[in-house]
PDB file of all heavy atoms in Angstrom:
ATOM      1  N   SER A   1       0.823  -1.209   0.000  1.00  0.00           N
ATOM      2  CA  SER A   1       0.000   0.000   0.000  1.00  0.00           C
ATOM      3  C   SER A   1       0.860   1.263   0.000  1.00  0.00           C
ATOM      4  O   SER A   1       0.343   2.358  -0.191  1.00  0.00           O
ATOM      5  CB  SER A   1      -0.941   0.016   1.205  1.00  0.00           C
ATOM      6  OG  SER A   1      -0.210   0.225   2.404  1.00  0.00           O
ATOM      7  N   ILE A   2       2.179   1.107   0.196  1.00  0.00           N
ATOM      8  CA  ILE A   2       3.088   2.255   0.236  1.00  0.00           C
ATOM      9  C   ILE A   2       3.868   2.327  -1.071  1.00  0.00           C
ATOM     10  O   ILE A   2       4.569   1.382  -1.443  1.00  0.00           O
ATOM     11  CB  ILE A   2       4.072   2.140   1.412  1.00  0.00           C
ATOM     12  CG1 ILE A   2       3.323   2.165   2.733  1.00  0.00           C
ATOM     13  CG2 ILE A   2       5.121   3.255   1.350  1.00  0.00           C
ATOM     14  CD1 ILE A   2       4.188   1.872   3.945  1.00  0.00           C
ATOM     15  N   VAL A   3       3.743   3.460  -1.762  1.00  0.00           N
ATOM     16  CA  VAL A   3       4.583   3.693  -2.941  1.00  0.00           C
ATOM     17  C   VAL A   3       5.922   4.197  -2.429  1.00  0.00           C
ATOM     18  O   VAL A   3       6.019   5.276  -1.845  1.00  0.00           O
ATOM     19  CB  VAL A   3       3.935   4.692  -3.914  1.00  0.00           C
ATOM     20  CG1 VAL A   3       4.896   5.038  -5.044  1.00  0.00           C
ATOM     21  CG2 VAL A   3       2.641   4.117  -4.475  1.00  0.00           C
ATOM     22  N   ALA A   4       6.950   3.390  -2.606  1.00  0.00           N
ATOM     23  CA  ALA A   4       8.266   3.681  -2.061  1.00  0.00           C
ATOM     24  C   ALA A   4       9.116   4.530  -2.999  1.00  0.00           C
ATOM     25  O   ALA A   4       9.966   5.292  -2.548  1.00  0.00           O
ATOM     26  CB  ALA A   4       8.998   2.375  -1.749  1.00  0.00           C
ATOM     27  N   ALA A   5       8.889   4.394  -4.306  1.00  0.00           N
ATOM     28  CA  ALA A   5       9.714   5.103  -5.290  1.00  0.00           C
ATOM     29  C   ALA A   5       8.891   5.351  -6.544  1.00  0.00           C
ATOM     30  O   ALA A   5       7.977   4.588  -6.867  1.00  0.00           O
ATOM     31  CB  ALA A   5      10.956   4.283  -5.624  1.00  0.00           C
ATOM     32  N   PHE A   6       9.234   6.435  -7.235  1.00  0.00           N
ATOM     33  CA  PHE A   6       8.541   6.734  -8.487  1.00  0.00           C
ATOM     34  C   PHE A   6       9.489   7.438  -9.438  1.00  0.00           C
ATOM     35  O   PHE A   6      10.505   7.998  -9.046  1.00  0.00           O
ATOM     36  CB  PHE A   6       7.305   7.599  -8.242  1.00  0.00           C
ATOM     37  CG  PHE A   6       7.544   9.089  -8.369  1.00  0.00           C
ATOM     38  CD1 PHE A   6       7.046   9.797  -9.452  1.00  0.00           C
ATOM     39  CD2 PHE A   6       8.283   9.773  -7.422  1.00  0.00           C
ATOM     40  CE1 PHE A   6       7.280  11.170  -9.584  1.00  0.00           C
ATOM     41  CE2 PHE A   6       8.511  11.135  -7.531  1.00  0.00           C
ATOM     42  CZ  PHE A   6       8.005  11.837  -8.617  1.00  0.00           C
ATOM     43  N   ALA A   7       9.121   7.386 -10.709  1.00  0.00           N
ATOM     44  CA  ALA A   7       9.811   8.173 -11.743  1.00  0.00           C
ATOM     45  C   ALA A   7       8.738   8.734 -12.662  1.00  0.00           C
ATOM     46  O   ALA A   7       7.771   8.043 -13.001  1.00  0.00           O
ATOM     47  CB  ALA A   7      10.785   7.306 -12.536  1.00  0.00           C
ATOM     48  N   GLY A   8       8.913   9.984 -13.037  1.00  0.00           N
ATOM     49  CA  GLY A   8       8.035  10.625 -14.000  1.00  0.00           C
ATOM     50  C   GLY A   8       8.854  10.994 -15.221  1.00  0.00           C
ATOM     51  O   GLY A   8       9.954  11.545 -15.095  1.00  0.00           O
ATOM     52  N   PHE A   9       8.353  10.673 -16.396  1.00  0.00           N
ATOM     53  CA  PHE A   9       9.125  10.900 -17.623  1.00  0.00           C
ATOM     54  C   PHE A   9       8.211  11.235 -18.778  1.00  0.00           C
ATOM     55  O   PHE A   9       7.005  11.088 -18.701  1.00  0.00           O
ATOM     56  CB  PHE A   9       9.986   9.672 -17.945  1.00  0.00           C
ATOM     57  CG  PHE A   9       9.190   8.434 -18.257  1.00  0.00           C
ATOM     58  CD1 PHE A   9       8.876   8.098 -19.564  1.00  0.00           C
ATOM     59  CD2 PHE A   9       8.746   7.595 -17.234  1.00  0.00           C
ATOM     60  CE1 PHE A   9       8.131   6.959 -19.852  1.00  0.00           C
ATOM     61  CE2 PHE A   9       8.012   6.455 -17.511  1.00  0.00           C
ATOM     62  CZ  PHE A   9       7.704   6.131 -18.820  1.00  0.00           C
ATOM     63  N   ARG A  10       8.828  11.684 -19.840  1.00  0.00           N
ATOM     64  CA  ARG A  10       8.083  12.009 -21.065  1.00  0.00           C
ATOM     65  C   ARG A  10       8.967  11.719 -22.272  1.00  0.00           C
ATOM     66  O   ARG A  10      10.188  11.683 -22.173  1.00  0.00           O
ATOM     67  CB  ARG A  10       7.622  13.453 -21.058  1.00  0.00           C
ATOM     68  CG  ARG A  10       8.733  14.463 -21.078  1.00  0.00           C
ATOM     69  CD  ARG A  10       8.275  15.912 -20.903  1.00  0.00           C
ATOM     70  NE  ARG A  10       7.957  16.178 -19.520  1.00  0.00           N
ATOM     71  CZ  ARG A  10       6.770  16.651 -19.105  1.00  0.00           C
ATOM     72  NH1 ARG A  10       5.835  16.935 -19.959  1.00  0.00           N
ATOM     73  NH2 ARG A  10       6.548  16.849 -17.837  1.00  0.00           N
ATOM     74  N   HIS A  11       8.315  11.540 -23.399  1.00  0.00           N
ATOM     75  CA  HIS A  11       9.019  11.381 -24.666  1.00  0.00           C
ATOM     76  C   HIS A  11       9.235  12.765 -25.259  1.00  0.00           C
ATOM     77  O   HIS A  11       8.333  13.598 -25.244  1.00  0.00           O
ATOM     78  CB  HIS A  11       8.203  10.519 -25.621  1.00  0.00           C
ATOM     79  CG  HIS A  11       8.177   9.075 -25.244  1.00  0.00           C
ATOM     80  ND1 HIS A  11       7.453   8.595 -24.172  1.00  0.00           N
ATOM     81  CD2 HIS A  11       8.792   8.010 -25.791  1.00  0.00           C
ATOM     82  CE1 HIS A  11       7.633   7.291 -24.076  1.00  0.00           C
ATOM     83  NE2 HIS A  11       8.435   6.910 -25.045  1.00  0.00           N
ATOM     84  N   MET A  12      10.423  12.985 -25.777  1.00  0.00           N
ATOM     85  CA  MET A  12      10.749  14.269 -26.399  1.00  0.00           C
ATOM     86  C   MET A  12      11.472  13.994 -27.713  1.00  0.00           C
ATOM     87  O   MET A  12      12.024  12.919 -27.919  1.00  0.00           O
ATOM     88  CB  MET A  12      11.649  15.092 -25.471  1.00  0.00           C
ATOM     89  CG  MET A  12      11.020  15.380 -24.114  1.00  0.00           C
ATOM     90  SD  MET A  12      12.124  16.301 -23.042  1.00  0.00           S
ATOM     91  CE  MET A  12      11.600  17.947 -23.482  1.00  0.00           C
ATOM     92  N   ASN A  13      11.475  14.995 -28.564  1.00  0.00           N
ATOM     93  CA  ASN A  13      12.221  14.927 -29.812  1.00  0.00           C
ATOM     94  C   ASN A  13      13.092  16.172 -29.860  1.00  0.00           C
ATOM     95  O   ASN A  13      12.572  17.289 -29.952  1.00  0.00           O
ATOM     96  CB  ASN A  13      11.265  14.855 -30.999  1.00  0.00           C
ATOM     97  CG  ASN A  13      11.937  14.373 -32.254  1.00  0.00           C
ATOM     98  OD1 ASN A  13      13.155  14.250 -32.314  1.00  0.00           O
ATOM     99  ND2 ASN A  13      11.154  14.108 -33.279  1.00  0.00           N
ATOM    100  N   LYS A  14      14.399  15.979 -29.758  1.00  0.00           N
ATOM    101  CA  LYS A  14      15.337  17.093 -29.659  1.00  0.00           C
ATOM    102  C   LYS A  14      16.292  17.071 -30.854  1.00  0.00           C
ATOM    103  O   LYS A  14      16.657  15.999 -31.347  1.00  0.00           O
ATOM    104  CB  LYS A  14      16.151  16.984 -28.373  1.00  0.00           C
ATOM    105  CG  LYS A  14      15.316  17.022 -27.114  1.00  0.00           C
ATOM    106  CD  LYS A  14      16.225  16.899 -25.907  1.00  0.00           C
ATOM    107  CE  LYS A  14      15.458  17.033 -24.619  1.00  0.00           C
ATOM    108  NZ  LYS A  14      16.362  17.094 -23.469  1.00  0.00           N
ATOM    109  N   LEU A  15      16.705  18.234 -31.283  1.00  0.00           N
ATOM    110  CA  LEU A  15      17.656  18.301 -32.401  1.00  0.00           C
ATOM    111  C   LEU A  15      18.970  17.592 -32.063  1.00  0.00           C
ATOM    112  O   LEU A  15      19.535  16.899 -32.898  1.00  0.00           O
ATOM    113  CB  LEU A  15      17.924  19.762 -32.780  1.00  0.00           C
ATOM    114  CG  LEU A  15      16.769  20.494 -33.462  1.00  0.00           C
ATOM    115  CD1 LEU A  15      17.129  21.965 -33.674  1.00  0.00           C
ATOM    116  CD2 LEU A  15      16.397  19.837 -34.775  1.00  0.00           C
ATOM    117  N   HIS A  16      19.452  17.770 -30.854  1.00  0.00           N
ATOM    118  CA  HIS A  16      20.768  17.204 -30.530  1.00  0.00           C
ATOM    119  C   HIS A  16      20.739  15.714 -30.209  1.00  0.00           C
ATOM    120  O   HIS A  16      21.767  15.050 -30.271  1.00  0.00           O
ATOM    121  CB  HIS A  16      21.436  17.974 -29.388  1.00  0.00           C
ATOM    122  CG  HIS A  16      20.801  17.800 -28.054  1.00  0.00           C
ATOM    123  ND1 HIS A  16      21.098  16.760 -27.218  1.00  0.00           N
ATOM    124  CD2 HIS A  16      19.870  18.536 -27.403  1.00  0.00           C
ATOM    125  CE1 HIS A  16      20.389  16.866 -26.116  1.00  0.00           C
ATOM    126  NE2 HIS A  16      19.636  17.934 -26.214  1.00  0.00           N
ATOM    127  N   SER A  17      19.585  15.148 -29.888  1.00  0.00           N
ATOM    128  CA  SER A  17      19.570  13.728 -29.526  1.00  0.00           C
ATOM    129  C   SER A  17      18.454  12.935 -30.193  1.00  0.00           C
ATOM    130  O   SER A  17      18.361  11.731 -29.994  1.00  0.00           O
ATOM    131  CB  SER A  17      19.453  13.585 -28.003  1.00  0.00           C
ATOM    132  OG  SER A  17      18.281  14.219 -27.519  1.00  0.00           O
ATOM    133  N   GLY A  18      17.607  13.588 -30.957  1.00  0.00           N
ATOM    134  CA  GLY A  18      16.506  12.890 -31.601  1.00  0.00           C
ATOM    135  C   GLY A  18      15.438  12.494 -30.596  1.00  0.00           C
ATOM    136  O   GLY A  18      15.277  13.133 -29.561  1.00  0.00           O
ATOM    137  N   LYS A  19      14.732  11.423 -30.896  1.00  0.00           N
ATOM    138  CA  LYS A  19      13.669  10.961 -29.995  1.00  0.00           C
ATOM    139  C   LYS A  19      14.314  10.387 -28.731  1.00  0.00           C
ATOM    140  O   LYS A  19      15.167   9.511 -28.801  1.00  0.00           O
ATOM    141  CB  LYS A  19      12.786   9.948 -30.696  1.00  0.00           C
ATOM    142  CG  LYS A  19      11.973  10.579 -31.809  1.00  0.00           C
ATOM    143  CD  LYS A  19      11.040   9.601 -32.465  1.00  0.00           C
ATOM    144  CE  LYS A  19      10.230  10.309 -33.547  1.00  0.00           C
ATOM    145  NZ  LYS A  19       9.336   9.398 -34.243  1.00  0.00           N
ATOM    146  N   THR A  20      13.856  10.889 -27.610  1.00  0.00           N
ATOM    147  CA  THR A  20      14.494  10.652 -26.316  1.00  0.00           C
ATOM    148  C   THR A  20      13.427  10.476 -25.247  1.00  0.00           C
ATOM    149  O   THR A  20      12.350  11.061 -25.344  1.00  0.00           O
ATOM    150  CB  THR A  20      15.333  11.907 -25.954  1.00  0.00           C
ATOM    151  OG1 THR A  20      16.312  12.113 -26.963  1.00  0.00           O
ATOM    152  CG2 THR A  20      16.004  11.788 -24.615  1.00  0.00           C
ATOM    153  N   ILE A  21      13.726   9.696 -24.229  1.00  0.00           N
ATOM    154  CA  ILE A  21      12.926   9.737 -23.012  1.00  0.00           C
ATOM    155  C   ILE A  21      13.669  10.643 -22.044  1.00  0.00           C
ATOM    156  O   ILE A  21      14.871  10.461 -21.796  1.00  0.00           O
ATOM    157  CB  ILE A  21      12.702   8.354 -22.390  1.00  0.00           C
ATOM    158  CG1 ILE A  21      11.738   7.535 -23.264  1.00  0.00           C
ATOM    159  CG2 ILE A  21      12.159   8.483 -20.962  1.00  0.00           C
ATOM    160  CD1 ILE A  21      11.444   6.140 -22.740  1.00  0.00           C
ATOM    161  N   TYR A  22      12.947  11.630 -21.515  1.00  0.00           N
ATOM    162  CA  TYR A  22      13.514  12.549 -20.533  1.00  0.00           C
ATOM    163  C   TYR A  22      12.847  12.282 -19.185  1.00  0.00           C
ATOM    164  O   TYR A  22      11.616  12.307 -19.076  1.00  0.00           O
ATOM    165  CB  TYR A  22      13.286  14.014 -20.939  1.00  0.00           C
ATOM    166  CG  TYR A  22      13.863  14.954 -19.920  1.00  0.00           C
ATOM    167  CD1 TYR A  22      15.220  15.251 -19.930  1.00  0.00           C
ATOM    168  CD2 TYR A  22      13.069  15.476 -18.910  1.00  0.00           C
ATOM    169  CE1 TYR A  22      15.773  16.070 -18.958  1.00  0.00           C
ATOM    170  CE2 TYR A  22      13.613  16.300 -17.932  1.00  0.00           C
ATOM    171  CZ  TYR A  22      14.962  16.581 -17.971  1.00  0.00           C
ATOM    172  OH  TYR A  22      15.506  17.385 -16.994  1.00  0.00           O
ATOM    173  N   ILE A  23      13.659  11.989 -18.188  1.00  0.00           N
ATOM    174  CA  ILE A  23      13.157  11.736 -16.839  1.00  0.00           C
ATOM    175  C   ILE A  23      13.106  13.068 -16.097  1.00  0.00           C
ATOM    176  O   ILE A  23      14.135  13.686 -15.833  1.00  0.00           O
ATOM    177  CB  ILE A  23      14.048  10.727 -16.088  1.00  0.00           C
ATOM    178  CG1 ILE A  23      14.103   9.401 -16.854  1.00  0.00           C
ATOM    179  CG2 ILE A  23      13.542  10.532 -14.658  1.00  0.00           C
ATOM    180  CD1 ILE A  23      15.110   8.401 -16.312  1.00  0.00           C
ATOM    181  N   ASP A  24      11.886  13.499 -15.800  1.00  0.00           N
ATOM    182  CA  ASP A  24      11.672  14.745 -15.061  1.00  0.00           C
ATOM    183  C   ASP A  24      11.887  14.551 -13.565  1.00  0.00           C
ATOM    184  O   ASP A  24      12.380  15.449 -12.883  1.00  0.00           O
ATOM    185  CB  ASP A  24      10.224  15.235 -15.236  1.00  0.00           C
ATOM    186  CG  ASP A  24       9.886  15.647 -16.646  1.00  0.00           C
ATOM    187  OD1 ASP A  24       9.533  14.764 -17.441  1.00  0.00           O
ATOM    188  OD2 ASP A  24       9.963  16.847 -16.932  1.00  0.00           O
ATOM    189  N   ASP A  25      11.434  13.417 -13.054  1.00  0.00           N
ATOM    190  CA  ASP A  25      11.364  13.197 -11.615  1.00  0.00           C
ATOM    191  C   ASP A  25      11.769  11.766 -11.282  1.00  0.00           C
ATOM    192  O   ASP A  25      11.363  10.833 -11.976  1.00  0.00           O
ATOM    193  CB  ASP A  25       9.925  13.420 -11.119  1.00  0.00           C
ATOM    194  CG  ASP A  25       9.376  14.780 -11.518  1.00  0.00           C
ATOM    195  OD1 ASP A  25       9.935  15.787 -11.061  1.00  0.00           O
ATOM    196  OD2 ASP A  25       8.413  14.822 -12.302  1.00  0.00           O
ATOM    197  N   LEU A  26      12.533  11.625 -10.209  1.00  0.00           N
ATOM    198  CA  LEU A  26      12.906  10.302  -9.705  1.00  0.00           C
ATOM    199  C   LEU A  26      13.162  10.447  -8.221  1.00  0.00           C
ATOM    200  O   LEU A  26      13.966  11.293  -7.810  1.00  0.00           O
ATOM    201  CB  LEU A  26      14.162   9.781 -10.417  1.00  0.00           C
ATOM    202  CG  LEU A  26      14.733   8.454  -9.924  1.00  0.00           C
ATOM    203  CD1 LEU A  26      13.777   7.306 -10.194  1.00  0.00           C
ATOM    204  CD2 LEU A  26      16.079   8.186 -10.575  1.00  0.00           C
ATOM    205  N   ALA A  27      12.471   9.658  -7.414  1.00  0.00           N
ATOM    206  CA  ALA A  27      12.674   9.747  -5.968  1.00  0.00           C
ATOM    207  C   ALA A  27      12.290   8.447  -5.294  1.00  0.00           C
ATOM    208  O   ALA A  27      11.482   7.669  -5.799  1.00  0.00           O
ATOM    209  CB  ALA A  27      11.838  10.885  -5.380  1.00  0.00           C
ATOM    210  N   CYS A  28      12.885   8.264  -4.129  1.00  0.00           N
ATOM    211  CA  CYS A  28      12.592   7.129  -3.272  1.00  0.00           C
ATOM    212  C   CYS A  28      12.460   7.664  -1.850  1.00  0.00           C
ATOM    213  O   CYS A  28      13.290   8.471  -1.410  1.00  0.00           O
ATOM    214  CB  CYS A  28      13.733   6.118  -3.376  1.00  0.00           C
ATOM    215  SG  CYS A  28      13.441   4.582  -2.492  1.00  0.00           S
ATOM    216  N   LEU A  29      11.420   7.257  -1.149  1.00  0.00           N
ATOM    217  CA  LEU A  29      11.261   7.678   0.235  1.00  0.00           C
ATOM    218  C   LEU A  29      12.478   7.228   1.059  1.00  0.00           C
ATOM    219  O   LEU A  29      13.003   6.130   0.831  1.00  0.00           O
ATOM    220  CB  LEU A  29       9.982   7.090   0.832  1.00  0.00           C
ATOM    221  CG  LEU A  29       8.673   7.625   0.275  1.00  0.00           C
ATOM    222  CD1 LEU A  29       7.498   6.822   0.845  1.00  0.00           C
ATOM    223  CD2 LEU A  29       8.511   9.105   0.595  1.00  0.00           C
ATOM    224  N   PRO A  30      12.922   8.046   1.990  1.00  0.00           N
ATOM    225  CA  PRO A  30      14.140   7.714   2.759  1.00  0.00           C
ATOM    226  C   PRO A  30      14.128   6.327   3.393  1.00  0.00           C
ATOM    227  O   PRO A  30      15.152   5.632   3.384  1.00  0.00           O
ATOM    228  CB  PRO A  30      14.190   8.810   3.826  1.00  0.00           C
ATOM    229  CG  PRO A  30      13.500   9.973   3.192  1.00  0.00           C
ATOM    230  CD  PRO A  30      12.391   9.362   2.352  1.00  0.00           C
ATOM    231  N   ALA A  31      13.013   5.883   3.916  1.00  0.00           N
ATOM    232  CA  ALA A  31      12.950   4.571   4.570  1.00  0.00           C
ATOM    233  C   ALA A  31      13.174   3.411   3.600  1.00  0.00           C
ATOM    234  O   ALA A  31      13.441   2.280   4.028  1.00  0.00           O
ATOM    235  CB  ALA A  31      11.596   4.403   5.268  1.00  0.00           C
TER     236      ALA A  31
END
């Protein structure tokens, strides 16, 4: 019932790297 960790990401298309997944958020509760 406890979400201990999460990541939030999106797909992007950039000139310097092309189609990419960019991770906006990544965290894990201290415990």
